[in-house]
Amino acid sequence: LGATTVSDLKYVEGADGTANGAISNLGPAEYLETIDAMSGTPANFEITGNTSRTITTWIKTSATQNGAVPNPKTQREIVNMGTADNFKKFTLMLIQNKVRNDIKAGGHSTPAQLFLNDDEWHFLAVVYYKDPADVNDNGTSTIYVDGVVKGSCNFTSTQVINTGAAPLLIGNQITAPMTAKDRGFEGAIDDVRVYDSALTAGNIQSMYDEFLNTTFTGLGGNNVWNNSSNWNNGVPNSSKNASIPAGMNPEIGATTAAAVNDLTVDSSATLKINSGGTLIVSGTSTGEVTYNRNLSTINWYLV
């Protein structure tokens, strides 16, 4: 991927807890695009015709973006295939707190998903299925939010989608003739995946569930909680479930503010919080946690 000239592109913690694993702060006309590895010039993304396809990604937005309250009517592009011409585009975007798939000469949107601007990571997917053996099948688009179907549309047009005339863009949309539109995504984007097949509902749910669970492995060579190498799917956060299996002994350091959704500590494992460290469990907690607290004076304390 290459990038336009970006004044303040930021790399932020990803959905899986990886440091600098996601991009944020794209300006109105800024984007990432596919480039040719040899020449370094923009390269068309060749999923053409009515080929079935799937786009998945994680996004995080809030009520204020880049220091301002975004216009709720602004179309914020996440992933764009093709140009803005009819029958030459396939996009995934947000508009008025709705997730939208622009396709062919139109598209469809989900009902308003007001929780999307809660400054937490959410999983989006759009699946387009066209039966190659059925000439009467005009294609079906289905939108998922956090693994759940939120909108579906059966198209009636027999026109062929042709999205092979432009690079794939992340964070914006292209219009003819190949100029950036004022639709830079206001928020963070992580783990964009594009498939030339239609993933099933089970595939989408599995991807969502897998991303939200992480297990302490200790493969980082120490017991440090916020060492991503110690987890099989990134350091836990407030929306991710964490498991501490038997024999593992992670420690939350004195300066670590740990967060997790559901926490499961095996009866043969230990989880220790050193004095000064914190652990916030948003969901449920199973198992024992040892919390060491240094009391520096002889005053009374409420425990």
Protein backbone atom coordinates (compact mmCIF):
# COMPACT_ATOMS: atom_id res chain seq x y z
CA LEU A 1 0.00 0.00 0.00
CA GLY A 2 1.06 3.53 -0.71
CA ALA A 3 -0.29 6.72 0.82
CA THR A 4 -1.12 10.22 -0.31
CA THR A 5 0.77 13.04 1.36
CA VAL A 6 -0.59 12.84 4.87
CA SER A 7 -0.02 15.69 7.27
CA ASP A 8 -0.81 13.87 10.48
CA LEU A 9 -1.48 10.18 9.83
CA LYS A 10 -1.29 8.36 13.13
CA TYR A 11 -0.55 4.76 13.98
CA VAL A 12 -2.63 3.69 16.98
CA GLU A 13 -3.18 0.52 18.96
CA GLY A 14 -4.99 -2.03 16.83
CA ALA A 15 -8.17 -3.91 17.57
CA ASP A 16 -6.13 -6.87 18.78
CA GLY A 17 -4.08 -4.72 21.17
CA THR A 18 -1.00 -4.54 18.90
CA ALA A 19 0.89 -1.28 19.33
CA ASN A 20 0.79 0.90 16.17
CA GLY A 21 -1.33 -1.78 14.51
CA ALA A 22 -3.99 0.51 13.01
CA ILE A 23 -4.17 3.79 11.10
CA SER A 24 -6.06 6.89 12.19
CA ASN A 25 -6.45 10.60 11.53
CA LEU A 26 -6.87 10.47 7.74
CA GLY A 27 -7.63 13.89 6.33
CA PRO A 28 -10.65 14.60 4.08
CA ALA A 29 -8.81 13.82 0.83
CA GLU A 30 -6.26 11.30 2.13
CA TYR A 31 -6.15 7.55 1.63
CA LEU A 32 -4.04 4.44 1.24
CA GLU A 33 -4.02 2.71 -2.14
CA THR A 34 -2.66 -0.43 -3.76
CA ILE A 35 0.60 0.08 -5.64
CA ASP A 36 2.69 -2.05 -7.96
CA ALA A 37 5.57 -3.57 -5.99
CA MET A 38 8.02 -3.13 -8.87
CA SER A 39 7.24 0.36 -10.14
CA GLY A 40 5.82 1.92 -6.99
CA THR A 41 2.94 3.41 -8.99
CA PRO A 42 -0.80 2.93 -8.31
CA ALA A 43 -2.02 -0.50 -9.39
CA ASN A 44 -5.58 -1.45 -10.28
CA PHE A 45 -7.17 -3.95 -7.94
CA GLU A 46 -8.47 -6.59 -10.29
CA ILE A 47 -11.59 -8.15 -8.89
CA THR A 48 -13.72 -7.70 -11.98
CA GLY A 49 -17.09 -8.65 -13.33
CA ASN A 50 -19.74 -10.07 -11.03
CA THR A 51 -17.21 -12.04 -9.01
CA SER A 52 -18.43 -12.76 -5.50
CA ARG A 53 -16.43 -10.85 -2.91
CA THR A 54 -16.13 -10.03 0.79
CA ILE A 55 -14.65 -7.06 2.64
CA THR A 56 -14.01 -7.26 6.39
CA THR A 57 -12.42 -4.70 8.69
CA TRP A 58 -12.33 -3.34 12.22
CA ILE A 59 -13.14 0.34 12.83
CA LYS A 60 -13.22 2.66 15.82
CA THR A 61 -14.96 6.03 15.81
CA SER A 62 -16.23 8.45 18.43
CA ALA A 63 -18.63 11.37 18.76
CA THR A 64 -15.71 13.69 18.01
CA GLN A 65 -13.05 12.98 15.40
CA ASN A 66 -9.84 14.88 14.68
CA GLY A 67 -10.81 17.48 17.29
CA ALA A 68 -14.26 18.24 15.87
CA VAL A 69 -17.78 16.87 15.83
CA PRO A 70 -18.24 15.17 12.42
CA ASN A 71 -21.20 16.06 10.24
CA PRO A 72 -23.54 13.06 10.60
CA LYS A 73 -24.44 13.33 6.90
CA THR A 74 -20.83 13.00 5.79
CA GLN A 75 -20.07 9.81 3.92
CA ARG A 76 -16.99 8.31 5.51
CA GLU A 77 -15.39 5.77 3.20
CA ILE A 78 -13.66 2.74 4.70
CA VAL A 79 -12.82 0.60 1.67
CA ASN A 80 -13.39 1.50 -1.99
CA MET A 81 -13.12 -0.67 -5.11
CA GLY A 82 -13.42 0.97 -8.51
CA THR A 83 -14.56 4.46 -9.46
CA ALA A 84 -17.72 6.39 -8.62
CA ASP A 85 -19.31 5.61 -12.00
CA ASN A 86 -22.39 3.42 -12.02
CA PHE A 87 -21.60 -0.29 -12.24
CA LYS A 88 -17.92 0.43 -11.55
CA LYS A 89 -17.82 0.60 -7.77
CA PHE A 90 -18.12 -1.50 -4.64
CA THR A 91 -17.59 0.34 -1.36
CA LEU A 92 -18.00 -0.04 2.38
CA MET A 93 -18.73 3.19 4.25
CA LEU A 94 -20.47 4.92 7.15
CA ILE A 95 -23.14 7.56 6.61
CA GLN A 96 -25.45 8.99 9.30
CA ASN A 97 -24.32 6.19 11.67
CA LYS A 98 -25.42 3.64 9.11
CA VAL A 99 -23.15 1.09 7.45
CA ARG A 100 -23.57 1.30 3.66
CA ASN A 101 -22.53 -0.76 0.67
CA ASP A 102 -22.48 1.24 -2.57
CA ILE A 103 -22.67 -1.09 -5.52
CA LYS A 104 -23.77 -1.00 -9.16
CA ALA A 105 -26.10 1.98 -9.64
CA GLY A 106 -27.17 2.16 -6.03
CA GLY A 107 -26.67 0.28 -2.83
CA HIS A 108 -28.19 -0.30 0.58
CA SER A 109 -27.66 0.73 4.20
CA THR A 110 -28.29 -0.76 7.59
CA PRO A 111 -30.53 0.96 10.12
CA ALA A 112 -28.63 3.50 12.25
CA GLN A 113 -26.02 1.77 14.42
CA LEU A 114 -25.72 4.46 17.08
CA PHE A 115 -23.31 2.42 19.20
CA LEU A 116 -20.61 2.60 16.52
CA ASN A 117 -19.34 5.97 17.76
CA ASP A 118 -18.54 4.70 21.27
CA ASP A 119 -14.75 4.83 20.75
CA GLU A 120 -14.56 1.02 20.82
CA TRP A 121 -13.53 -1.39 18.06
CA HIS A 122 -16.31 -2.89 15.92
CA PHE A 123 -16.16 -5.54 13.21
CA LEU A 124 -17.76 -4.77 9.83
CA ALA A 125 -18.21 -7.06 6.86
CA VAL A 126 -19.99 -6.83 3.51
CA VAL A 127 -20.54 -9.99 1.47
CA TYR A 128 -21.60 -9.94 -2.20
CA TYR A 129 -22.74 -13.27 -3.65
CA LYS A 130 -23.45 -13.90 -7.33
CA ASP A 131 -24.20 -17.43 -8.49
CA PRO A 132 -22.00 -17.81 -11.59
CA ALA A 133 -24.20 -20.61 -12.91
CA ASP A 134 -27.47 -18.69 -12.66
CA VAL A 135 -27.96 -16.00 -15.31
CA ASN A 136 -31.05 -14.79 -13.44
CA ASP A 137 -29.15 -14.16 -10.23
CA ASN A 138 -28.40 -10.44 -10.03
CA GLY A 139 -26.42 -10.68 -6.81
CA THR A 140 -27.09 -10.27 -3.09
CA SER A 141 -25.25 -7.97 -0.68
CA THR A 142 -25.27 -8.62 3.07
CA ILE A 143 -23.83 -6.31 5.74
CA TYR A 144 -22.65 -7.59 9.13
CA VAL A 145 -21.86 -5.57 12.25
CA ASP A 146 -20.03 -7.40 15.05
CA GLY A 147 -20.88 -10.73 13.44
CA VAL A 148 -24.63 -10.05 13.15
CA VAL A 149 -26.56 -9.45 9.89
CA LYS A 150 -27.80 -5.85 9.90
CA GLY A 151 -28.92 -5.45 6.29
CA SER A 152 -29.34 -7.37 3.04
CA CYS A 153 -30.32 -6.46 -0.51
CA ASN A 154 -31.20 -8.54 -3.58
CA PHE A 155 -30.28 -6.56 -6.66
CA THR A 156 -32.45 -6.46 -9.77
CA SER A 157 -30.00 -4.93 -12.24
CA THR A 158 -28.28 -7.34 -14.63
CA GLN A 159 -25.39 -4.96 -15.20
CA VAL A 160 -21.94 -6.36 -14.48
CA ILE A 161 -19.91 -4.79 -11.67
CA ASN A 162 -16.55 -3.70 -13.08
CA THR A 163 -14.24 -2.59 -10.28
CA GLY A 164 -10.96 -3.35 -12.00
CA ALA A 165 -10.41 0.16 -13.34
CA ALA A 166 -8.87 1.69 -10.21
CA PRO A 167 -6.66 0.89 -7.22
CA LEU A 168 -8.23 -0.35 -4.02
CA LEU A 169 -8.48 2.55 -1.56
CA ILE A 170 -8.55 2.41 2.22
CA GLY A 171 -10.02 5.42 3.97
CA ASN A 172 -11.54 7.27 1.02
CA GLN A 173 -13.37 6.98 -2.31
CA ILE A 174 -12.23 7.76 -5.84
CA THR A 175 -14.36 9.57 -8.40
CA ALA A 176 -13.87 9.79 -12.12
CA PRO A 177 -11.41 10.78 -13.39
CA MET A 178 -9.35 9.33 -10.55
CA THR A 179 -9.45 12.20 -8.09
CA ALA A 180 -9.83 11.86 -4.34
CA LYS A 181 -13.21 12.79 -2.92
CA ASP A 182 -13.81 14.62 0.34
CA ARG A 183 -14.76 11.46 2.24
CA GLY A 184 -11.74 10.66 4.40
CA PHE A 185 -12.63 8.22 7.17
CA GLU A 186 -12.86 9.90 10.56
CA GLY A 187 -11.60 7.29 12.99
CA ALA A 188 -9.28 4.28 13.09
CA ILE A 189 -9.12 1.37 10.63
CA ASP A 190 -7.50 -2.00 11.24
CA ASP A 191 -7.14 -5.43 9.63
CA VAL A 192 -8.76 -4.79 6.23
CA ARG A 193 -9.28 -8.07 4.37
CA VAL A 194 -10.61 -8.58 0.85
CA TYR A 195 -11.68 -11.98 -0.50
CA ASP A 196 -12.69 -12.94 -4.05
CA SER A 197 -15.39 -15.19 -2.63
CA ALA A 198 -18.52 -14.83 -0.53
CA LEU A 199 -17.81 -15.80 3.07
CA THR A 200 -20.66 -17.52 4.91
CA ALA A 201 -22.42 -16.22 8.00
CA GLY A 202 -20.52 -18.87 9.96
CA ASN A 203 -17.20 -17.60 8.56
CA ILE A 204 -18.03 -14.03 9.60
CA GLN A 205 -19.12 -15.06 13.09
CA SER A 206 -15.98 -17.17 13.56
CA MET A 207 -13.74 -14.27 12.52
CA TYR A 208 -15.48 -11.98 14.99
CA ASP A 209 -15.35 -14.51 17.83
CA GLU A 210 -11.72 -15.43 17.19
CA PHE A 211 -10.63 -11.81 17.21
CA LEU A 212 -12.33 -11.20 20.54
CA ASN A 213 -10.59 -13.99 22.44
CA THR A 214 -6.97 -14.16 23.52
CA THR A 215 -5.05 -16.66 25.65
CA PHE A 216 -1.92 -16.07 27.71
CA THR A 217 0.87 -18.31 26.36
CA GLY A 218 3.97 -16.88 28.02
CA LEU A 219 5.86 -17.23 24.74
CA GLY A 220 7.26 -13.72 25.16
CA GLY A 221 9.82 -15.06 27.59
CA ASN A 222 8.38 -13.37 30.68
CA ASN A 223 5.12 -13.02 32.62
CA VAL A 224 4.39 -9.41 31.61
CA TRP A 225 0.69 -8.84 30.95
CA ASN A 226 1.08 -6.11 28.32
CA ASN A 227 3.70 -7.97 26.26
CA SER A 228 1.83 -8.86 23.06
CA SER A 229 4.20 -11.81 22.47
CA ASN A 230 2.74 -13.45 25.58
CA TRP A 231 -0.75 -13.68 24.02
CA ASN A 232 -1.94 -15.71 21.05
CA ASN A 233 -4.20 -12.91 19.82
CA GLY A 234 -2.86 -9.68 21.23
CA VAL A 235 -3.02 -8.01 24.64
CA PRO A 236 -6.58 -7.92 26.02
CA ASN A 237 -8.62 -4.74 25.97
CA SER A 238 -12.07 -3.75 27.23
CA SER A 239 -13.81 -5.56 24.37
CA LYS A 240 -11.66 -8.71 24.32
CA ASN A 241 -12.02 -11.87 26.44
CA ALA A 242 -8.89 -13.21 28.14
CA SER A 243 -8.04 -16.72 29.33
CA ILE A 244 -5.22 -17.65 31.71
CA PRO A 245 -4.69 -21.42 31.31
CA ALA A 246 -3.19 -23.83 33.82
CA GLY A 247 0.47 -23.24 34.61
CA MET A 248 0.51 -19.61 33.45
CA ASN A 249 1.39 -16.79 35.88
CA PRO A 250 0.97 -13.37 34.24
CA GLU A 251 1.65 -10.21 36.20
CA ILE A 252 0.18 -6.75 35.75
CA GLY A 253 2.95 -4.24 36.41
CA ALA A 254 2.96 -1.23 38.71
CA THR A 255 2.36 1.20 35.84
CA THR A 256 0.00 -0.96 33.76
CA ALA A 257 -3.70 -0.12 33.37
CA ALA A 258 -5.06 -3.46 32.19
CA ALA A 259 -8.56 -3.90 30.76
CA VAL A 260 -10.49 -6.95 29.66
CA ASN A 261 -14.06 -7.93 28.84
CA ASP A 262 -14.51 -11.45 30.27
CA LEU A 263 -11.67 -12.91 32.34
CA THR A 264 -11.12 -16.61 33.00
CA VAL A 265 -8.29 -17.71 35.31
CA ASP A 266 -7.74 -21.47 35.57
CA SER A 267 -7.66 -22.92 39.09
CA SER A 268 -4.04 -24.00 38.47
CA ALA A 269 -2.97 -20.56 37.22
CA THR A 270 -2.22 -17.29 38.99
CA LEU A 271 -2.84 -13.69 38.00
CA LYS A 272 -1.06 -11.07 40.06
CA ILE A 273 -1.56 -7.30 40.07
CA ASN A 274 1.43 -5.47 41.49
CA SER A 275 0.90 -2.40 43.62
CA GLY A 276 0.09 0.58 41.39
CA GLY A 277 -1.29 -1.55 38.57
CA THR A 278 -4.98 -1.76 37.78
CA LEU A 279 -7.32 -4.27 36.16
CA ILE A 280 -10.82 -3.38 34.96
CA VAL A 281 -13.08 -6.28 33.97
CA SER A 282 -16.03 -5.04 31.89
CA GLY A 283 -17.79 -8.42 31.71
CA THR A 284 -17.55 -11.44 34.00
CA SER A 285 -14.60 -12.80 35.98
CA THR A 286 -13.92 -16.43 36.85
CA GLY A 287 -11.02 -17.59 39.03
CA GLU A 288 -8.75 -15.93 41.56
CA VAL A 289 -6.68 -12.75 41.25
CA THR A 290 -3.97 -11.66 43.69
CA TYR A 291 -3.78 -7.91 44.21
CA ASN A 292 -0.72 -6.64 46.05
CA ARG A 293 -1.06 -3.19 47.53
CA ASN A 294 1.76 -1.36 49.31
CA LEU A 295 0.46 0.81 52.16
CA SER A 296 3.00 3.55 52.67
CA THR A 297 1.71 5.06 55.93
CA ILE A 298 0.27 3.92 59.24
CA ASN A 299 -3.12 5.53 58.52
CA TRP A 300 -6.36 3.59 58.37
CA TYR A 301 -7.34 2.14 54.95
CA LEU A 302 -10.66 0.94 53.59
CA VAL A 303 -10.11 -2.42 51.86
